[in-house]
Amino acid sequence: TSSESCLSIPMTLSYQSRDVSTNGFVTKLQDFLHTTNYLTTASTGFFGAGTFKAVKAFQGANGISKTGSVGPNTRAKILQISCAMPEQDIAESDAVIPDTGSTSVLPSGCTSTTGFSSTTGVRCTATSLPEGCTSNTTFSPTTGVRCVAQ
């Protein structure tokens, strides 16, 4: 995995932080939390109650004290998990893929759709790959679309 997909947050982010004072890192955090299924709302650039709750859920799932603030331990875990994610920009996972038939897959380290991955810490949620895809690292041999989980 390239370092381009790694999310390194250089400062502590906490409740009521804003993109304007964090150089856009609140949105990057929210994009990461959305991609890993902890945050279900759109990224806003404002660290409000939803982001606070999502950070606490992420921390709890990864054995970090559930403070709701993104301090050194949480930033290190985000870096570790984002670097282990498939080669794509974190925000790119929202790309719309034409529905041409699909294969359901679980994240690495998951054996069911409950709980969290033992290897990456992401929520075990089944995602769909476009027809002909067996992983999200290539292009479909049958449709030519990029194999990105939907």
N, C-alpha and C. Protein backbone atom coordinates (compact mmCIF):
# COMPACT_ATOMS: atom_id res chain seq x y z
N THR A 1 0.85 -1.18 0.00
CA THR A 1 0.00 0.00 0.00
C THR A 1 0.89 1.23 0.00
N SER A 2 0.56 2.22 -0.79
CA SER A 2 1.37 3.43 -0.86
C SER A 2 1.08 4.32 0.33
N SER A 3 2.03 5.19 0.65
CA SER A 3 1.84 6.11 1.77
C SER A 3 0.79 7.15 1.44
N GLU A 4 0.41 7.29 0.15
CA GLU A 4 -0.60 8.26 -0.23
C GLU A 4 -1.95 7.96 0.41
N SER A 5 -2.23 6.69 0.71
CA SER A 5 -3.52 6.36 1.30
C SER A 5 -3.48 6.43 2.83
N CYS A 6 -2.31 6.68 3.40
CA CYS A 6 -2.18 6.76 4.85
C CYS A 6 -2.65 8.13 5.35
N LEU A 7 -3.40 8.11 6.44
CA LEU A 7 -3.88 9.36 7.03
C LEU A 7 -3.08 9.64 8.30
N SER A 8 -2.18 10.61 8.19
CA SER A 8 -1.37 11.04 9.33
C SER A 8 -1.91 12.39 9.80
N ILE A 9 -2.52 12.40 10.97
CA ILE A 9 -3.09 13.63 11.53
C ILE A 9 -2.04 14.23 12.47
N PRO A 10 -1.54 15.44 12.18
CA PRO A 10 -0.41 15.98 12.93
C PRO A 10 -0.75 16.70 14.24
N MET A 11 -2.05 16.79 14.58
CA MET A 11 -2.40 17.49 15.81
C MET A 11 -3.60 16.82 16.46
N THR A 12 -3.81 17.14 17.73
CA THR A 12 -4.98 16.63 18.44
C THR A 12 -6.22 17.31 17.89
N LEU A 13 -7.25 16.51 17.59
CA LEU A 13 -8.54 17.04 17.15
C LEU A 13 -9.54 16.72 18.26
N SER A 14 -10.39 17.68 18.59
CA SER A 14 -11.35 17.46 19.66
C SER A 14 -12.68 18.14 19.34
N TYR A 15 -13.64 17.91 20.20
CA TYR A 15 -14.99 18.45 20.04
C TYR A 15 -14.93 19.94 19.73
N GLN A 16 -15.63 20.35 18.70
CA GLN A 16 -15.75 21.71 18.19
C GLN A 16 -14.55 22.18 17.39
N SER A 17 -13.58 21.28 17.07
CA SER A 17 -12.52 21.65 16.15
C SER A 17 -13.14 21.90 14.78
N ARG A 18 -12.50 22.74 14.00
CA ARG A 18 -12.99 23.08 12.66
C ARG A 18 -11.87 22.97 11.64
N ASP A 19 -12.26 22.70 10.38
CA ASP A 19 -11.27 22.63 9.31
C ASP A 19 -10.42 23.90 9.23
N VAL A 20 -11.03 25.05 9.40
CA VAL A 20 -10.32 26.32 9.24
C VAL A 20 -9.14 26.43 10.20
N SER A 21 -9.22 25.81 11.38
CA SER A 21 -8.12 25.89 12.34
C SER A 21 -7.27 24.61 12.38
N THR A 22 -7.64 23.61 11.58
CA THR A 22 -6.88 22.34 11.59
C THR A 22 -6.35 21.99 10.20
N ASN A 23 -6.37 22.95 9.29
CA ASN A 23 -5.84 22.73 7.95
C ASN A 23 -6.58 21.61 7.21
N GLY A 24 -7.89 21.48 7.46
CA GLY A 24 -8.70 20.50 6.75
C GLY A 24 -8.71 19.11 7.37
N PHE A 25 -8.06 18.94 8.51
CA PHE A 25 -7.95 17.59 9.08
C PHE A 25 -9.24 17.08 9.71
N VAL A 26 -10.16 17.95 10.08
CA VAL A 26 -11.44 17.46 10.60
C VAL A 26 -12.17 16.71 9.48
N THR A 27 -12.20 17.27 8.27
CA THR A 27 -12.84 16.59 7.14
C THR A 27 -12.12 15.28 6.83
N LYS A 28 -10.79 15.27 6.88
CA LYS A 28 -10.04 14.03 6.61
C LYS A 28 -10.38 12.97 7.65
N LEU A 29 -10.49 13.38 8.93
CA LEU A 29 -10.89 12.46 9.99
C LEU A 29 -12.29 11.93 9.70
N GLN A 30 -13.23 12.82 9.35
CA GLN A 30 -14.60 12.41 9.09
C GLN A 30 -14.67 11.47 7.88
N ASP A 31 -13.88 11.74 6.84
CA ASP A 31 -13.84 10.85 5.68
C ASP A 31 -13.37 9.46 6.09
N PHE A 32 -12.33 9.40 6.93
CA PHE A 32 -11.82 8.11 7.43
C PHE A 32 -12.90 7.39 8.24
N LEU A 33 -13.54 8.11 9.16
CA LEU A 33 -14.58 7.49 10.00
C LEU A 33 -15.76 7.02 9.15
N HIS A 34 -16.07 7.74 8.10
CA HIS A 34 -17.16 7.34 7.19
C HIS A 34 -16.75 6.08 6.42
N THR A 35 -15.53 6.07 5.91
CA THR A 35 -15.03 4.93 5.15
C THR A 35 -14.99 3.66 5.99
N THR A 36 -14.69 3.79 7.27
CA THR A 36 -14.60 2.64 8.17
C THR A 36 -15.91 2.37 8.90
N ASN A 37 -16.98 3.02 8.46
CA ASN A 37 -18.35 2.77 8.95
C ASN A 37 -18.61 3.18 10.40
N TYR A 38 -17.85 4.14 10.92
CA TYR A 38 -18.13 4.65 12.26
C TYR A 38 -19.00 5.91 12.19
N LEU A 39 -18.91 6.63 11.07
CA LEU A 39 -19.66 7.86 10.89
C LEU A 39 -20.57 7.68 9.69
N THR A 40 -21.86 7.92 9.87
CA THR A 40 -22.80 7.70 8.78
C THR A 40 -23.22 8.99 8.09
N THR A 41 -22.88 10.13 8.67
CA THR A 41 -23.26 11.40 8.07
C THR A 41 -22.13 11.91 7.16
N ALA A 42 -22.46 12.87 6.33
CA ALA A 42 -21.47 13.45 5.42
C ALA A 42 -20.45 14.27 6.21
N SER A 43 -19.24 14.37 5.66
CA SER A 43 -18.19 15.18 6.27
C SER A 43 -18.58 16.65 6.18
N THR A 44 -18.39 17.37 7.30
CA THR A 44 -18.78 18.78 7.36
C THR A 44 -17.62 19.72 7.66
N GLY A 45 -16.51 19.18 8.16
CA GLY A 45 -15.41 20.04 8.56
C GLY A 45 -15.58 20.60 9.96
N PHE A 46 -16.63 20.18 10.64
CA PHE A 46 -16.88 20.61 12.02
C PHE A 46 -16.97 19.37 12.90
N PHE A 47 -16.19 19.33 13.96
CA PHE A 47 -16.13 18.20 14.88
C PHE A 47 -17.25 18.38 15.89
N GLY A 48 -18.44 17.89 15.54
CA GLY A 48 -19.61 18.01 16.39
C GLY A 48 -19.91 16.73 17.13
N ALA A 49 -21.14 16.63 17.62
CA ALA A 49 -21.56 15.49 18.43
C ALA A 49 -21.46 14.16 17.68
N GLY A 50 -21.80 14.15 16.39
CA GLY A 50 -21.73 12.91 15.61
C GLY A 50 -20.31 12.41 15.46
N THR A 51 -19.39 13.32 15.18
CA THR A 51 -17.97 12.95 15.05
C THR A 51 -17.43 12.49 16.40
N PHE A 52 -17.80 13.18 17.46
CA PHE A 52 -17.38 12.82 18.81
C PHE A 52 -17.81 11.38 19.14
N LYS A 53 -19.07 11.07 18.84
CA LYS A 53 -19.61 9.72 19.09
C LYS A 53 -18.88 8.68 18.23
N ALA A 54 -18.62 9.02 16.96
CA ALA A 54 -17.93 8.10 16.05
C ALA A 54 -16.50 7.84 16.52
N VAL A 55 -15.82 8.89 16.98
CA VAL A 55 -14.44 8.72 17.49
C VAL A 55 -14.44 7.81 18.71
N LYS A 56 -15.41 8.00 19.63
CA LYS A 56 -15.49 7.15 20.82
C LYS A 56 -15.74 5.68 20.43
N ALA A 57 -16.60 5.45 19.43
CA ALA A 57 -16.86 4.07 18.97
C ALA A 57 -15.59 3.48 18.37
N PHE A 58 -14.87 4.26 17.56
CA PHE A 58 -13.61 3.81 16.97
C PHE A 58 -12.61 3.48 18.07
N GLN A 59 -12.50 4.35 19.06
CA GLN A 59 -11.56 4.12 20.15
C GLN A 59 -11.91 2.84 20.92
N GLY A 60 -13.20 2.67 21.23
CA GLY A 60 -13.62 1.48 21.96
C GLY A 60 -13.33 0.20 21.21
N ALA A 61 -13.54 0.24 19.89
CA ALA A 61 -13.30 -0.95 19.07
C ALA A 61 -11.82 -1.27 18.92
N ASN A 62 -10.96 -0.29 19.22
CA ASN A 62 -9.53 -0.48 19.03
C ASN A 62 -8.73 -0.44 20.33
N GLY A 63 -9.43 -0.61 21.46
CA GLY A 63 -8.75 -0.70 22.74
C GLY A 63 -8.10 0.59 23.21
N ILE A 64 -8.66 1.72 22.77
CA ILE A 64 -8.13 3.03 23.15
C ILE A 64 -9.14 3.65 24.12
N SER A 65 -8.66 4.39 25.12
CA SER A 65 -9.56 5.08 26.05
C SER A 65 -10.55 5.92 25.27
N LYS A 66 -11.84 5.77 25.59
CA LYS A 66 -12.91 6.42 24.84
C LYS A 66 -13.10 7.87 25.32
N THR A 67 -12.19 8.74 24.87
CA THR A 67 -12.24 10.15 25.26
C THR A 67 -13.04 10.98 24.27
N GLY A 68 -13.12 10.53 23.02
CA GLY A 68 -13.78 11.31 21.99
C GLY A 68 -12.85 12.30 21.32
N SER A 69 -11.67 12.52 21.89
CA SER A 69 -10.66 13.39 21.29
C SER A 69 -9.67 12.53 20.52
N VAL A 70 -9.12 13.08 19.45
CA VAL A 70 -8.18 12.35 18.62
C VAL A 70 -6.77 12.77 19.03
N GLY A 71 -6.26 12.06 20.04
CA GLY A 71 -4.92 12.32 20.57
C GLY A 71 -3.91 11.37 19.95
N PRO A 72 -2.72 11.29 20.54
CA PRO A 72 -1.63 10.49 19.97
C PRO A 72 -1.97 9.02 19.72
N ASN A 73 -2.63 8.34 20.67
CA ASN A 73 -2.94 6.91 20.48
C ASN A 73 -3.96 6.71 19.36
N THR A 74 -4.97 7.56 19.32
CA THR A 74 -5.99 7.45 18.28
C THR A 74 -5.39 7.79 16.92
N ARG A 75 -4.56 8.82 16.87
CA ARG A 75 -3.92 9.20 15.60
C ARG A 75 -3.03 8.07 15.09
N ALA A 76 -2.32 7.40 15.99
CA ALA A 76 -1.45 6.29 15.59
C ALA A 76 -2.28 5.14 15.03
N LYS A 77 -3.42 4.83 15.64
CA LYS A 77 -4.28 3.73 15.17
C LYS A 77 -4.90 4.09 13.82
N ILE A 78 -5.31 5.35 13.65
CA ILE A 78 -5.86 5.80 12.36
C ILE A 78 -4.80 5.65 11.27
N LEU A 79 -3.57 6.04 11.57
CA LEU A 79 -2.48 5.90 10.61
C LEU A 79 -2.27 4.43 10.25
N GLN A 80 -2.22 3.56 11.26
CA GLN A 80 -2.01 2.13 11.02
C GLN A 80 -3.12 1.55 10.14
N ILE A 81 -4.37 1.84 10.48
CA ILE A 81 -5.50 1.27 9.74
C ILE A 81 -5.58 1.86 8.34
N SER A 82 -5.39 3.18 8.21
CA SER A 82 -5.50 3.79 6.87
C SER A 82 -4.40 3.31 5.95
N CYS A 83 -3.22 3.03 6.49
CA CYS A 83 -2.12 2.52 5.66
C CYS A 83 -2.38 1.09 5.21
N ALA A 84 -3.21 0.35 5.96
CA ALA A 84 -3.53 -1.04 5.61
C ALA A 84 -4.72 -1.13 4.66
N MET A 85 -5.39 0.01 4.41
CA MET A 85 -6.57 0.00 3.54
C MET A 85 -6.14 -0.16 2.09
N PRO A 86 -7.05 -0.62 1.22
CA PRO A 86 -6.72 -0.78 -0.20
C PRO A 86 -6.21 0.54 -0.80
N GLU A 87 -5.41 0.42 -1.87
CA GLU A 87 -4.85 1.61 -2.50
C GLU A 87 -5.93 2.44 -3.14
N GLN A 88 -6.34 3.46 -2.46
CA GLN A 88 -7.31 4.43 -2.96
C GLN A 88 -7.33 5.56 -1.97
N ASP A 89 -7.73 6.71 -2.39
CA ASP A 89 -7.88 7.80 -1.45
C ASP A 89 -9.04 7.44 -0.53
N ILE A 90 -8.94 7.82 0.73
CA ILE A 90 -9.99 7.48 1.68
C ILE A 90 -11.34 8.00 1.20
N ALA A 91 -11.39 9.22 0.73
CA ALA A 91 -12.66 9.79 0.27
C ALA A 91 -13.16 9.14 -1.01
N GLU A 92 -12.26 8.50 -1.76
CA GLU A 92 -12.64 7.90 -3.04
C GLU A 92 -13.59 6.72 -2.86
N SER A 93 -13.67 6.17 -1.66
CA SER A 93 -14.54 5.01 -1.45
C SER A 93 -16.01 5.37 -1.64
N ASP A 94 -16.33 6.65 -1.71
CA ASP A 94 -17.70 7.07 -1.96
C ASP A 94 -18.03 7.08 -3.45
N ALA A 95 -17.08 6.74 -4.30
CA ALA A 95 -17.31 6.76 -5.74
C ALA A 95 -18.46 5.81 -6.10
N VAL A 96 -19.28 6.23 -7.03
CA VAL A 96 -20.42 5.43 -7.44
C VAL A 96 -19.98 4.48 -8.55
N ILE A 97 -20.23 3.21 -8.37
CA ILE A 97 -19.90 2.18 -9.33
C ILE A 97 -21.22 1.70 -9.94
N PRO A 98 -21.30 1.60 -11.27
CA PRO A 98 -22.54 1.10 -11.86
C PRO A 98 -22.87 -0.29 -11.32
N ASP A 99 -24.13 -0.53 -11.01
CA ASP A 99 -24.54 -1.82 -10.48
C ASP A 99 -24.76 -2.78 -11.64
N THR A 100 -23.78 -3.65 -11.86
CA THR A 100 -23.87 -4.60 -12.97
C THR A 100 -23.83 -6.03 -12.45
N GLY A 101 -24.29 -6.22 -11.22
CA GLY A 101 -24.15 -7.52 -10.56
C GLY A 101 -22.97 -7.42 -9.64
N SER A 102 -22.98 -8.13 -8.52
CA SER A 102 -21.89 -7.93 -7.58
C SER A 102 -21.63 -9.16 -6.75
N THR A 103 -20.48 -9.13 -6.06
CA THR A 103 -20.06 -10.16 -5.13
C THR A 103 -19.96 -9.52 -3.76
N SER A 104 -20.52 -10.16 -2.73
CA SER A 104 -20.47 -9.61 -1.39
C SER A 104 -19.17 -10.05 -0.73
N VAL A 105 -18.48 -9.11 -0.09
CA VAL A 105 -17.21 -9.42 0.58
C VAL A 105 -17.20 -8.81 1.97
N LEU A 106 -16.37 -9.37 2.84
CA LEU A 106 -16.16 -8.83 4.18
C LEU A 106 -14.75 -8.25 4.26
N PRO A 107 -14.54 -7.24 5.10
CA PRO A 107 -13.19 -6.69 5.27
C PRO A 107 -12.21 -7.76 5.78
N SER A 108 -10.94 -7.54 5.57
CA SER A 108 -9.90 -8.44 6.04
C SER A 108 -10.03 -8.64 7.55
N GLY A 109 -9.93 -9.86 8.01
CA GLY A 109 -10.00 -10.17 9.43
C GLY A 109 -11.41 -10.40 9.95
N CYS A 110 -12.42 -10.34 9.08
CA CYS A 110 -13.81 -10.56 9.48
C CYS A 110 -14.30 -11.93 9.02
N THR A 111 -15.08 -12.58 9.86
CA THR A 111 -15.67 -13.86 9.49
C THR A 111 -17.19 -13.78 9.43
N SER A 112 -17.76 -12.67 9.92
CA SER A 112 -19.21 -12.45 9.86
C SER A 112 -19.46 -10.96 9.76
N THR A 113 -20.73 -10.57 9.70
CA THR A 113 -21.06 -9.15 9.59
C THR A 113 -21.30 -8.51 10.95
N THR A 114 -20.79 -9.12 12.01
CA THR A 114 -20.92 -8.53 13.34
C THR A 114 -19.53 -8.25 13.89
N GLY A 115 -19.42 -7.24 14.72
CA GLY A 115 -18.16 -6.92 15.37
C GLY A 115 -17.21 -6.14 14.49
N PHE A 116 -15.91 -6.27 14.79
CA PHE A 116 -14.88 -5.51 14.11
C PHE A 116 -13.78 -6.45 13.66
N SER A 117 -13.05 -6.06 12.62
CA SER A 117 -11.96 -6.87 12.09
C SER A 117 -10.85 -7.01 13.12
N SER A 118 -10.34 -8.22 13.27
CA SER A 118 -9.24 -8.46 14.20
C SER A 118 -7.91 -7.93 13.67
N THR A 119 -7.84 -7.67 12.36
CA THR A 119 -6.58 -7.20 11.79
C THR A 119 -6.57 -5.73 11.45
N THR A 120 -7.71 -5.15 11.06
CA THR A 120 -7.72 -3.75 10.66
C THR A 120 -8.52 -2.86 11.59
N GLY A 121 -9.39 -3.43 12.42
CA GLY A 121 -10.18 -2.64 13.34
C GLY A 121 -11.45 -2.05 12.74
N VAL A 122 -11.68 -2.24 11.42
CA VAL A 122 -12.88 -1.68 10.81
C VAL A 122 -14.09 -2.53 11.16
N ARG A 123 -15.26 -1.91 11.12
CA ARG A 123 -16.50 -2.61 11.40
C ARG A 123 -16.71 -3.68 10.32
N CYS A 124 -17.12 -4.88 10.74
CA CYS A 124 -17.36 -5.99 9.80
C CYS A 124 -18.70 -5.80 9.12
N THR A 125 -18.68 -5.11 8.00
CA THR A 125 -19.88 -4.86 7.22
C THR A 125 -19.65 -5.41 5.83
N ALA A 126 -20.58 -6.21 5.35
CA ALA A 126 -20.44 -6.77 4.00
C ALA A 126 -20.55 -5.63 2.99
N THR A 127 -19.67 -5.64 2.01
CA THR A 127 -19.73 -4.68 0.92
C THR A 127 -19.83 -5.46 -0.38
N SER A 128 -20.21 -4.79 -1.41
CA SER A 128 -20.36 -5.46 -2.70
C SER A 128 -19.26 -5.00 -3.64
N LEU A 129 -18.74 -5.96 -4.39
CA LEU A 129 -17.78 -5.66 -5.44
C LEU A 129 -18.51 -5.79 -6.77
N PRO A 130 -18.10 -5.00 -7.76
CA PRO A 130 -18.73 -5.12 -9.08
C PRO A 130 -18.55 -6.53 -9.66
N GLU A 131 -19.39 -6.89 -10.60
CA GLU A 131 -19.37 -8.19 -11.26
C GLU A 131 -17.97 -8.50 -11.77
N GLY A 132 -17.51 -9.72 -11.53
CA GLY A 132 -16.21 -10.17 -12.02
C GLY A 132 -15.06 -9.88 -11.07
N CYS A 133 -15.31 -9.15 -9.99
CA CYS A 133 -14.24 -8.78 -9.05
C CYS A 133 -14.21 -9.76 -7.88
N THR A 134 -13.00 -10.07 -7.43
CA THR A 134 -12.84 -10.91 -6.25
C THR A 134 -12.15 -10.14 -5.13
N SER A 135 -11.57 -8.99 -5.43
CA SER A 135 -10.98 -8.11 -4.42
C SER A 135 -11.07 -6.69 -4.95
N ASN A 136 -10.74 -5.72 -4.10
CA ASN A 136 -10.84 -4.34 -4.56
C ASN A 136 -9.47 -3.76 -4.91
N THR A 137 -8.67 -4.53 -5.63
CA THR A 137 -7.34 -4.07 -6.01
C THR A 137 -7.11 -4.04 -7.52
N THR A 138 -8.11 -4.45 -8.31
CA THR A 138 -7.90 -4.55 -9.75
C THR A 138 -9.11 -3.98 -10.50
N PHE A 139 -9.24 -4.36 -11.76
CA PHE A 139 -10.40 -4.02 -12.57
C PHE A 139 -11.14 -5.30 -12.92
N SER A 140 -12.45 -5.20 -13.10
CA SER A 140 -13.26 -6.37 -13.43
C SER A 140 -12.92 -6.87 -14.82
N PRO A 141 -12.63 -8.17 -14.97
CA PRO A 141 -12.35 -8.70 -16.30
C PRO A 141 -13.62 -8.78 -17.17
N THR A 142 -14.79 -8.74 -16.53
CA THR A 142 -16.02 -8.86 -17.32
C THR A 142 -16.64 -7.51 -17.68
N THR A 143 -16.47 -6.50 -16.80
CA THR A 143 -17.10 -5.21 -17.09
C THR A 143 -16.09 -4.08 -17.30
N GLY A 144 -14.84 -4.27 -16.85
CA GLY A 144 -13.81 -3.25 -17.01
C GLY A 144 -13.84 -2.16 -15.94
N VAL A 145 -14.83 -2.18 -15.03
CA VAL A 145 -14.88 -1.16 -14.00
C VAL A 145 -13.86 -1.47 -12.91
N ARG A 146 -13.43 -0.42 -12.20
CA ARG A 146 -12.48 -0.61 -11.11
C ARG A 146 -13.15 -1.39 -9.99
N CYS A 147 -12.46 -2.35 -9.44
CA CYS A 147 -13.01 -3.18 -8.37
C CYS A 147 -12.92 -2.41 -7.05
N VAL A 148 -13.93 -1.63 -6.75
CA VAL A 148 -13.99 -0.87 -5.51
C VAL A 148 -15.28 -1.28 -4.80
N ALA A 149 -15.16 -1.64 -3.54
CA ALA A 149 -16.34 -2.06 -2.77
C ALA A 149 -17.37 -0.94 -2.74
N GLN A 150 -18.63 -1.35 -2.85
CA GLN A 150 -19.72 -0.37 -2.85
C GLN A 150 -20.36 -0.33 -1.49
